[in-house]
Amino acid sequence: MYSNFKEQALLYVKQAVEEDNKGNYAKAFPLYMNALEYFKTHLKYEKNPKVKEAITQKFVEYLRRAEEIRAALDEGGGGGGPASNGDAAVAAKPKTKSKGDGDKDDSEQAKLRSGLDSAIVREKPNVKWNDVAGLESAKQALQEAVILPVKFPQFFTGKRRPWRAFLLYGPPGTGKSYLAKAVATEADSTFFSVSSSDLVSKWMGESEKLVSNLFQMARESAPSIIFIDEIDSLSGQRGEGNESEASRRIKTEILVQMQGVGHNDDKVLILAATNTPYSLDQAIRRRFDKRIYIPLPDVKARQHMFKVHLGDTPHNLTEGDYQQLAQKTEGFSGSDIAVSVNEVLFEPIRKTQDAEFFINTPDGNWVPCGPRQPGAVQTNMQELEARGLASKIIPPPINRRDFDKVLAKQKPTVSKSDLEVHERFTKEFGEEG
């Protein structure tokens, strides 16, 4: 499958080089960028180290050429001269620095940054504040840190400064990452979303450089937000027996960058999430101005979640049904509710597949029904399909019995002992969300 990404990338490169050679730099630039996106996706799947290295080398060349064209376009000029050939597609502008180590460093940094470029969320996830059920104090604190400083900078004068670092902690599936998506949607900022896999490298010393480049890119793109999911996997307690030298260096670099020594980080917000707050290194924990507990949803939040996840799918549930479903799911996390609703969404399809009676509605559709319903016709889905009516078969709307059937088998995934750990951490170090 991933070979398709490479083929698509090469197609865009060919088009980009053609436009580049003609001097059509405004057309060449987006084509280069499209090629880079497909190369990036291909690199995620490529297993052969030699092929991966060759593609990475080309990626850096195309990235550098694209940056040259963008810089020239920003200045209102050309693209630094047309590309020399269809293979490298690079005609670099004269460099002011001497060749050798300086060029090598630039190439290495370009490689690191190209890997981190995929962490930038370019399309809004379309999760609004209202989609996040409950968590009012967490949403308010994030709005104070993210929305107000950008829209109303005059609010932050004198000693008043926006919050710079948030730690969201709580049991799995309670909506920490979902809340981060809402921040990405609502904030008019560059949003970097990274996990440990994005920042950990097998090469000695490269992980620290990835962390450093991440923060530097965020500063250059300010106002910006860095979201680090599962930060505990990067910043566990120091001094543990199984801690490696590489792990210590990553934590040290994160501490240095979060401290912001020598940098103006007023417009860079750090947002991190963890399911195991006690495993965080104490020094890193202290760097977070706000440590907010994201608990299991209450009754009102669960009721809202059922509505959000069901969305505009045809159903005949009443407000009273939603209330009763919320009451029946005490102890469920947001993820548990999402899984339950996803299961319910398929119940009408199963009914349609198993149905032996259908009714032909006035608009020409065929809907499964009971044998005693007026107008019921004894047939099944396969027979209707054979008659060329496949597009006219419509599943019935979801009803309360569908939910009862699914919830009878569904169990909460968060234990009482898990909750006790987070509640104890909240009393010691955090605040309620």
Protein backbone atom coordinates (compact mmCIF):
# COMPACT_ATOMS: atom_id res chain seq x y z
CA MET A 1 0.00 0.00 0.00
CA TYR A 2 2.76 2.44 0.96
CA SER A 3 4.30 2.20 -2.54
CA ASN A 4 1.35 4.32 -3.69
CA PHE A 5 2.58 7.16 -1.47
CA LYS A 6 6.00 7.03 -3.10
CA GLU A 7 4.51 6.96 -6.61
CA GLN A 8 2.28 9.93 -5.79
CA ALA A 9 5.26 11.80 -4.34
CA LEU A 10 7.34 11.21 -7.48
CA LEU A 11 4.45 12.39 -9.64
CA TYR A 12 4.27 15.66 -7.69
CA VAL A 13 8.08 16.02 -7.88
CA LYS A 14 8.00 15.64 -11.66
CA GLN A 15 5.32 18.34 -11.94
CA ALA A 16 7.18 20.59 -9.50
CA VAL A 17 10.45 20.30 -11.41
CA GLU A 18 8.71 21.14 -14.69
CA GLU A 19 7.20 24.31 -13.21
CA ASP A 20 10.47 25.11 -11.44
CA ASN A 21 12.46 24.88 -14.69
CA LYS A 22 9.95 27.18 -16.38
CA GLY A 23 10.35 29.72 -13.59
CA ASN A 24 6.73 29.26 -12.44
CA TYR A 25 7.74 29.28 -8.78
CA ALA A 26 4.27 30.06 -7.41
CA LYS A 27 3.05 26.82 -9.03
CA ALA A 28 6.18 24.82 -8.17
CA PHE A 29 6.09 25.54 -4.43
CA PRO A 30 2.74 23.83 -3.58
CA LEU A 31 3.71 20.88 -5.78
CA TYR A 32 6.95 20.44 -3.84
CA MET A 33 5.01 20.64 -0.57
CA ASN A 34 2.54 17.98 -1.75
CA ALA A 35 5.45 15.74 -2.70
CA LEU A 36 7.01 16.21 0.74
CA GLU A 37 3.76 15.21 2.46
CA TYR A 38 3.59 11.96 0.47
CA PHE A 39 7.29 11.22 1.03
CA LYS A 40 6.73 11.74 4.77
CA THR A 41 3.86 9.27 4.82
CA HIS A 42 5.89 6.75 2.83
CA LEU A 43 8.80 7.02 5.32
CA LYS A 44 6.49 5.96 8.15
CA TYR A 45 5.89 2.61 6.45
CA GLU A 46 9.22 1.96 4.70
CA LYS A 47 11.15 -0.84 6.46
CA ASN A 48 14.28 -1.05 4.29
CA PRO A 49 16.93 1.17 5.97
CA LYS A 50 18.83 1.84 2.72
CA VAL A 51 15.69 2.88 0.86
CA LYS A 52 14.63 4.96 3.86
CA GLU A 53 17.99 6.74 3.91
CA ALA A 54 17.83 7.46 0.17
CA ILE A 55 14.30 8.86 0.44
CA THR A 56 15.27 10.97 3.46
CA GLN A 57 18.17 12.45 1.49
CA LYS A 58 15.85 13.38 -1.37
CA PHE A 59 13.32 14.70 1.12
CA VAL A 60 15.90 17.11 2.56
CA GLU A 61 16.86 18.28 -0.94
CA TYR A 62 13.26 18.95 -1.95
CA LEU A 63 12.56 20.62 1.40
CA ARG A 64 15.52 22.95 0.97
CA ARG A 65 14.44 23.83 -2.58
CA ALA A 66 10.89 24.51 -1.38
CA GLU A 67 12.21 26.77 1.38
CA GLU A 68 14.33 28.67 -1.14
CA ILE A 69 11.31 29.23 -3.37
CA ARG A 70 9.13 30.28 -0.43
CA ALA A 71 11.75 32.75 0.79
CA ALA A 72 12.08 34.20 -2.70
CA LEU A 73 8.31 34.46 -3.14
CA ASP A 74 8.00 36.19 0.23
CA GLU A 75 10.56 38.72 -0.96
CA GLY A 76 8.68 39.14 -4.23
CA GLY A 77 11.48 37.68 -6.33
CA GLY A 78 12.17 34.47 -8.19
CA GLY A 79 13.02 31.07 -6.81
CA GLY A 80 16.78 31.26 -6.60
CA GLY A 81 17.20 30.02 -10.18
CA PRO A 82 15.50 27.09 -11.90
CA ALA A 83 16.18 23.54 -10.85
CA SER A 84 19.18 22.00 -12.58
CA ASN A 85 17.63 18.63 -13.42
CA GLY A 86 14.64 16.40 -12.80
CA ASP A 87 16.41 14.20 -10.28
CA ALA A 88 17.65 16.49 -7.54
CA ALA A 89 15.44 19.44 -8.41
CA VAL A 90 17.79 21.67 -6.41
CA ALA A 91 19.49 24.87 -7.53
CA ALA A 92 20.64 26.32 -4.26
CA LYS A 93 21.25 30.01 -3.83
CA PRO A 94 24.85 30.99 -3.04
CA LYS A 95 25.61 30.30 0.61
CA THR A 96 27.21 32.93 2.78
CA LYS A 97 28.73 30.38 5.15
CA SER A 98 31.67 28.16 4.27
CA LYS A 99 31.10 24.62 3.18
CA GLY A 100 31.85 21.64 5.37
CA ASP A 101 30.53 21.39 8.90
CA GLY A 102 28.10 24.29 8.48
CA ASP A 103 26.36 22.61 5.54
CA LYS A 104 26.33 19.31 7.36
CA ASP A 105 24.66 20.93 10.39
CA ASP A 106 22.06 22.59 8.17
CA SER A 107 21.29 19.29 6.48
CA GLU A 108 20.98 17.51 9.82
CA GLN A 109 18.68 20.20 11.22
CA ALA A 110 16.55 20.13 8.07
CA LYS A 111 16.22 16.36 8.51
CA LEU A 112 15.14 16.72 12.13
CA ARG A 113 12.69 19.48 11.34
CA SER A 114 11.20 17.60 8.42
CA GLY A 115 10.39 14.75 10.80
CA LEU A 116 8.78 17.13 13.27
CA ASP A 117 6.85 18.90 10.53
CA SER A 118 4.30 16.07 10.59
CA ALA A 119 3.56 17.00 14.22
CA ILE A 120 2.01 20.29 13.11
CA VAL A 121 -1.78 20.02 13.01
CA ARG A 122 -2.60 21.89 9.80
CA GLU A 123 -6.30 21.03 9.64
CA LYS A 124 -8.56 21.87 12.55
CA PRO A 125 -9.90 18.69 14.22
CA ASN A 126 -13.38 20.30 14.34
CA VAL A 127 -13.91 19.57 18.04
CA LYS A 128 -15.59 22.59 19.66
CA TRP A 129 -15.57 23.57 23.34
CA ASN A 130 -19.26 22.63 23.47
CA ASP A 131 -18.42 19.11 22.29
CA VAL A 132 -16.38 18.57 25.46
CA ALA A 133 -18.81 17.46 28.14
CA GLY A 134 -18.26 18.97 31.60
CA LEU A 135 -14.70 19.93 32.63
CA GLU A 136 -15.75 23.58 32.95
CA SER A 137 -12.79 24.72 35.08
CA ALA A 138 -10.32 22.98 32.73
CA LYS A 139 -11.91 24.66 29.71
CA GLN A 140 -11.91 28.04 31.44
CA ALA A 141 -8.22 27.75 32.36
CA LEU A 142 -7.30 26.74 28.82
CA GLN A 143 -9.32 29.60 27.37
CA GLU A 144 -7.43 32.00 29.65
CA ALA A 145 -4.16 30.57 28.38
CA VAL A 146 -4.97 30.06 24.71
CA ILE A 147 -7.81 32.30 23.49
CA LEU A 148 -7.58 35.47 25.56
CA PRO A 149 -3.85 36.26 25.04
CA VAL A 150 -4.30 36.12 21.25
CA LYS A 151 -7.63 37.97 21.00
CA PHE A 152 -7.16 40.37 23.91
CA PRO A 153 -3.43 40.95 24.46
CA GLN A 154 -4.23 44.17 26.34
CA PHE A 155 -5.58 42.05 29.20
CA PHE A 156 -2.09 40.81 30.03
CA THR A 157 -0.17 43.82 31.26
CA GLY A 158 2.01 44.44 34.28
CA LYS A 159 2.55 41.24 36.24
CA ARG A 160 -0.41 39.45 34.65
CA ARG A 161 0.87 36.70 32.37
CA PRO A 162 -0.96 33.83 30.65
CA TRP A 163 -0.47 30.31 31.96
CA ARG A 164 2.46 28.68 30.16
CA ALA A 165 2.23 24.97 30.99
CA PHE A 166 -0.73 22.65 31.63
CA LEU A 167 -0.69 19.04 32.78
CA LEU A 168 -3.92 17.13 32.14
CA TYR A 169 -4.03 13.89 34.11
CA GLY A 170 -6.66 11.28 34.87
CA PRO A 171 -7.73 7.71 34.05
CA PRO A 172 -7.55 6.50 30.44
CA GLY A 173 -10.44 7.50 28.20
CA THR A 174 -11.63 10.54 30.16
CA GLY A 175 -11.08 13.05 27.37
CA LYS A 176 -7.59 14.49 27.85
CA SER A 177 -6.63 14.15 24.18
CA TYR A 178 -10.18 15.17 23.15
CA LEU A 179 -9.76 18.38 25.15
CA ALA A 180 -6.46 18.99 23.36
CA LYS A 181 -8.29 18.62 20.02
CA ALA A 182 -10.76 21.29 21.16
CA VAL A 183 -7.82 23.56 21.95
CA ALA A 184 -6.40 22.92 18.46
CA THR A 185 -9.77 23.77 16.90
CA GLU A 186 -10.50 26.89 18.92
CA ALA A 187 -7.01 28.40 19.17
CA ASP A 188 -5.68 30.72 16.52
CA SER A 189 -2.21 29.26 17.06
CA THR A 190 0.19 26.79 15.48
CA PHE A 191 -0.56 23.44 17.14
CA PHE A 192 2.19 20.81 17.52
CA SER A 193 0.90 17.37 18.57
CA VAL A 194 3.68 14.94 19.55
CA SER A 195 4.08 11.67 21.41
CA SER A 196 7.13 9.84 22.70
CA SER A 197 7.59 8.05 19.36
CA ASP A 198 8.06 11.43 17.62
CA LEU A 199 10.84 12.49 20.00
CA VAL A 200 12.73 9.27 20.73
CA SER A 201 15.43 8.26 18.27
CA LYS A 202 17.71 5.24 18.22
CA TRP A 203 20.64 7.50 17.26
CA MET A 204 22.80 8.81 20.10
CA GLY A 205 22.08 12.46 20.86
CA GLU A 206 19.33 12.87 18.27
CA SER A 207 16.41 12.75 20.73
CA GLU A 208 17.64 15.84 22.59
CA LYS A 209 18.04 17.64 19.27
CA LEU A 210 14.48 16.68 18.32
CA VAL A 211 13.19 18.17 21.59
CA SER A 212 15.27 21.32 21.10
CA ASN A 213 14.10 21.73 17.49
CA LEU A 214 10.48 21.18 18.49
CA PHE A 215 10.61 24.07 20.96
CA GLN A 216 12.56 26.24 18.53
CA MET A 217 9.98 25.64 15.78
CA ALA A 218 7.22 26.52 18.26
CA ARG A 219 8.97 29.79 19.13
CA GLU A 220 9.40 30.65 15.46
CA SER A 221 5.69 29.91 14.82
CA ALA A 222 4.38 31.72 17.91
CA PRO A 223 1.70 31.97 19.10
CA SER A 224 1.92 28.21 19.31
CA ILE A 225 0.93 25.22 21.43
CA ILE A 226 2.96 22.06 22.03
CA PHE A 227 0.80 19.09 23.03
CA ILE A 228 2.79 16.13 24.39
CA ASP A 229 0.67 13.01 24.80
CA GLU A 230 1.75 10.39 27.36
CA ILE A 231 4.49 12.64 28.69
CA ASP A 232 5.23 10.08 31.43
CA SER A 233 6.94 7.88 28.82
CA LEU A 234 9.45 10.72 28.23
CA SER A 235 9.74 12.14 31.74
CA GLY A 236 9.63 9.34 34.27
CA GLN A 237 11.26 9.58 37.69
CA ARG A 238 15.02 10.10 37.50
CA GLY A 239 17.28 7.67 39.30
CA GLU A 240 15.14 4.61 38.57
CA GLY A 241 17.08 1.39 38.11
CA ASN A 242 15.98 0.87 34.50
CA GLU A 243 16.62 4.45 33.43
CA SER A 244 19.04 4.76 30.51
CA GLU A 245 21.51 7.52 29.78
CA ALA A 246 19.46 8.50 26.71
CA SER A 247 16.32 8.82 28.86
CA ARG A 248 18.15 11.09 31.32
CA ARG A 249 19.35 13.34 28.51
CA ILE A 250 15.83 13.68 27.05
CA LYS A 251 14.42 14.67 30.45
CA THR A 252 17.20 17.18 30.98
CA GLU A 253 16.52 18.74 27.58
CA ILE A 254 12.77 18.93 28.27
CA LEU A 255 13.51 20.65 31.59
CA VAL A 256 15.85 23.16 29.94
CA GLN A 257 13.37 23.94 27.16
CA MET A 258 10.41 24.27 29.55
CA GLN A 259 12.46 26.62 31.69
CA GLY A 260 12.91 28.78 28.60
CA VAL A 261 16.25 30.22 29.67
CA GLY A 262 17.40 32.78 27.12
CA HIS A 263 14.17 32.57 25.12
CA ASN A 264 10.96 34.55 25.01
CA ASP A 265 8.36 31.85 25.56
CA ASP A 266 5.41 34.11 26.44
CA LYS A 267 3.53 32.97 23.35
CA VAL A 268 4.38 29.25 23.59
CA LEU A 269 1.97 27.09 25.60
CA ILE A 270 2.89 23.57 26.68
CA LEU A 271 0.01 21.14 27.09
CA ALA A 272 0.73 17.60 28.27
CA ALA A 273 -1.38 14.57 29.16
CA THR A 274 -0.70 11.51 31.29
CA ASN A 275 -2.58 8.55 32.76
CA THR A 276 0.11 8.02 35.41
CA PRO A 277 0.93 11.37 37.06
CA TYR A 278 2.93 9.83 39.91
CA SER A 279 5.46 8.45 37.42
CA LEU A 280 6.38 11.98 36.27
CA ASP A 281 9.75 13.38 37.30
CA GLN A 282 9.25 15.85 40.16
CA ALA A 283 11.25 18.63 38.51
CA ILE A 284 9.17 18.38 35.33
CA ARG A 285 5.94 18.18 37.33
CA ARG A 286 6.83 21.51 38.98
CA ARG A 287 7.27 23.14 35.55
CA PHE A 288 3.52 22.87 34.96
CA ASP A 289 1.70 25.97 36.26
CA LYS A 290 -1.63 24.16 36.17
CA ARG A 291 -2.12 20.48 36.97
CA ILE A 292 -5.73 19.66 36.17
CA TYR A 293 -7.50 16.42 37.02
CA ILE A 294 -9.72 15.12 34.21
CA PRO A 295 -12.09 12.78 36.10
CA LEU A 296 -14.73 10.34 34.94
CA PRO A 297 -17.74 12.19 33.49
CA ASP A 298 -20.67 12.96 35.79
CA VAL A 299 -24.33 12.26 34.93
CA LYS A 300 -24.83 15.47 32.91
CA ALA A 301 -21.58 14.94 31.03
CA ARG A 302 -22.50 11.34 30.17
CA GLN A 303 -25.91 12.45 28.93
CA HIS A 304 -24.22 15.02 26.68
CA MET A 305 -21.74 12.39 25.41
CA PHE A 306 -24.51 10.05 24.31
CA LYS A 307 -26.02 12.89 22.27
CA VAL A 308 -22.71 13.94 20.73
CA HIS A 309 -21.65 10.41 19.73
CA LEU A 310 -25.09 9.56 18.34
CA GLY A 311 -25.10 12.80 16.37
CA ASP A 312 -27.56 12.99 13.47
CA THR A 313 -27.91 9.20 13.09
CA PRO A 314 -31.67 8.43 12.76
CA HIS A 315 -33.10 7.49 16.18
CA ASN A 316 -36.25 7.84 18.28
CA LEU A 317 -34.67 8.45 21.71
CA THR A 318 -36.31 11.01 24.00
CA GLU A 319 -34.69 13.32 26.53
CA GLY A 320 -35.85 10.91 29.24
CA ASP A 321 -34.04 8.06 27.46
CA TYR A 322 -30.78 10.02 27.48
CA GLN A 323 -31.19 10.72 31.21
CA GLN A 324 -31.76 7.05 32.00
CA LEU A 325 -28.78 5.98 29.87
CA ALA A 326 -26.57 8.44 31.76
CA GLN A 327 -27.76 7.08 35.09
CA LYS A 328 -27.15 3.47 34.00
CA THR A 329 -23.52 4.17 33.02
CA GLU A 330 -22.11 5.30 36.38
CA GLY A 331 -18.34 4.71 36.35
CA PHE A 332 -18.07 4.76 32.54
CA SER A 333 -15.34 6.86 30.96
CA GLY A 334 -15.88 8.96 27.86
CA SER A 335 -14.11 6.27 25.88
CA ASP A 336 -16.42 3.56 27.31
CA ILE A 337 -19.46 5.56 26.21
CA ALA A 338 -17.99 6.12 22.73
CA VAL A 339 -17.39 2.37 22.35
CA SER A 340 -20.96 1.60 23.50
CA VAL A 341 -22.50 4.06 21.05
CA ASN A 342 -20.34 2.72 18.20
CA GLU A 343 -21.66 -0.75 18.98
CA VAL A 344 -25.24 0.54 19.03
CA LEU A 345 -24.79 2.23 15.64
CA PHE A 346 -24.50 -1.22 14.04
CA GLU A 347 -27.62 -2.68 15.66
CA PRO A 348 -29.99 -1.39 12.90
CA ILE A 349 -27.71 -2.94 10.25
CA ARG A 350 -27.80 -6.30 12.04
CA LYS A 351 -31.59 -6.10 12.26
CA THR A 352 -31.77 -5.40 8.53
CA GLN A 353 -29.52 -8.34 7.70
CA ASP A 354 -31.58 -10.73 9.86
CA ALA A 355 -35.04 -9.37 8.93
CA GLU A 356 -37.60 -11.68 7.30
CA PHE A 357 -40.28 -9.02 6.81
CA PHE A 358 -40.01 -5.57 5.20
CA ILE A 359 -42.46 -2.76 4.60
CA ASN A 360 -42.45 -0.64 1.47
CA THR A 361 -42.72 3.01 2.56
CA PRO A 362 -44.50 5.71 0.48
CA ASP A 363 -41.17 7.08 -0.73
CA GLY A 364 -40.23 3.69 -2.21
CA ASN A 365 -37.81 2.56 0.50
CA TRP A 366 -37.82 -0.87 2.14
CA VAL A 367 -37.54 -0.92 5.94
CA PRO A 368 -37.39 -4.08 8.13
CA CYS A 369 -40.48 -4.63 10.28
CA GLY A 370 -42.35 -7.21 12.35
CA PRO A 371 -44.59 -9.86 10.73
CA ARG A 372 -47.78 -8.35 12.18
CA GLN A 373 -47.14 -4.80 11.01
CA PRO A 374 -49.73 -3.66 8.43
CA GLY A 375 -48.25 -3.86 4.92
CA ALA A 376 -45.46 -6.26 5.95
CA VAL A 377 -44.02 -8.29 3.05
CA GLN A 378 -42.21 -11.57 3.69
CA THR A 379 -38.81 -11.16 2.04
CA ASN A 380 -35.19 -10.61 3.02
CA MET A 381 -32.26 -8.36 2.16
CA GLN A 382 -30.80 -10.79 -0.38
CA GLU A 383 -34.07 -11.08 -2.31
CA LEU A 384 -34.52 -7.31 -2.41
CA GLU A 385 -30.95 -6.92 -3.65
CA ALA A 386 -31.58 -9.52 -6.38
CA ARG A 387 -34.56 -7.45 -7.51
CA GLY A 388 -32.28 -4.41 -7.97
CA LEU A 389 -33.56 -2.66 -4.82
CA ALA A 390 -30.30 -2.60 -2.84
CA SER A 391 -30.18 1.21 -2.74
CA LYS A 392 -33.75 1.31 -1.40
CA ILE A 393 -33.06 -0.79 1.72
CA ILE A 394 -32.99 1.52 4.75
CA PRO A 395 -32.07 0.37 8.30
CA PRO A 396 -34.60 1.25 11.03
CA PRO A 397 -33.88 4.12 13.44
CA ILE A 398 -31.95 3.40 16.64
CA ASN A 399 -34.18 2.91 19.68
CA ARG A 400 -33.76 2.56 23.43
CA ARG A 401 -33.81 -1.27 23.29
CA ASP A 402 -30.67 -1.18 21.13
CA PHE A 403 -28.85 0.65 23.90
CA ASP A 404 -30.19 -1.68 26.59
CA LYS A 405 -28.95 -4.71 24.65
CA VAL A 406 -25.42 -3.29 24.25
CA LEU A 407 -25.09 -1.86 27.77
CA ALA A 408 -26.11 -5.20 29.28
CA LYS A 409 -22.79 -6.57 28.01
CA GLN A 410 -20.64 -3.42 28.47
CA LYS A 411 -18.54 -2.89 31.62
CA PRO A 412 -16.55 0.18 32.75
CA THR A 413 -12.80 -0.06 32.12
CA VAL A 414 -11.58 2.16 34.98
CA SER A 415 -11.24 0.47 38.38
CA LYS A 416 -11.79 2.04 41.80
CA SER A 417 -8.09 1.64 42.61
CA ASP A 418 -7.20 3.66 39.48
CA LEU A 419 -9.51 6.45 40.63
CA GLU A 420 -8.07 6.43 44.15
CA VAL A 421 -4.56 7.00 42.78
CA HIS A 422 -5.65 10.04 40.77
CA GLU A 423 -7.74 11.47 43.59
CA ARG A 424 -4.77 11.18 45.95
CA PHE A 425 -2.52 12.96 43.43
CA THR A 426 -5.14 15.71 43.10
CA LYS A 427 -5.13 16.30 46.86
CA GLU A 428 -1.33 16.52 46.88
CA PHE A 429 -0.49 18.36 43.67
CA GLY A 430 -3.48 19.08 41.41
CA GLU A 431 -6.83 20.76 41.05
CA GLU A 432 -10.24 19.55 39.94
CA GLY A 433 -11.11 19.88 36.25
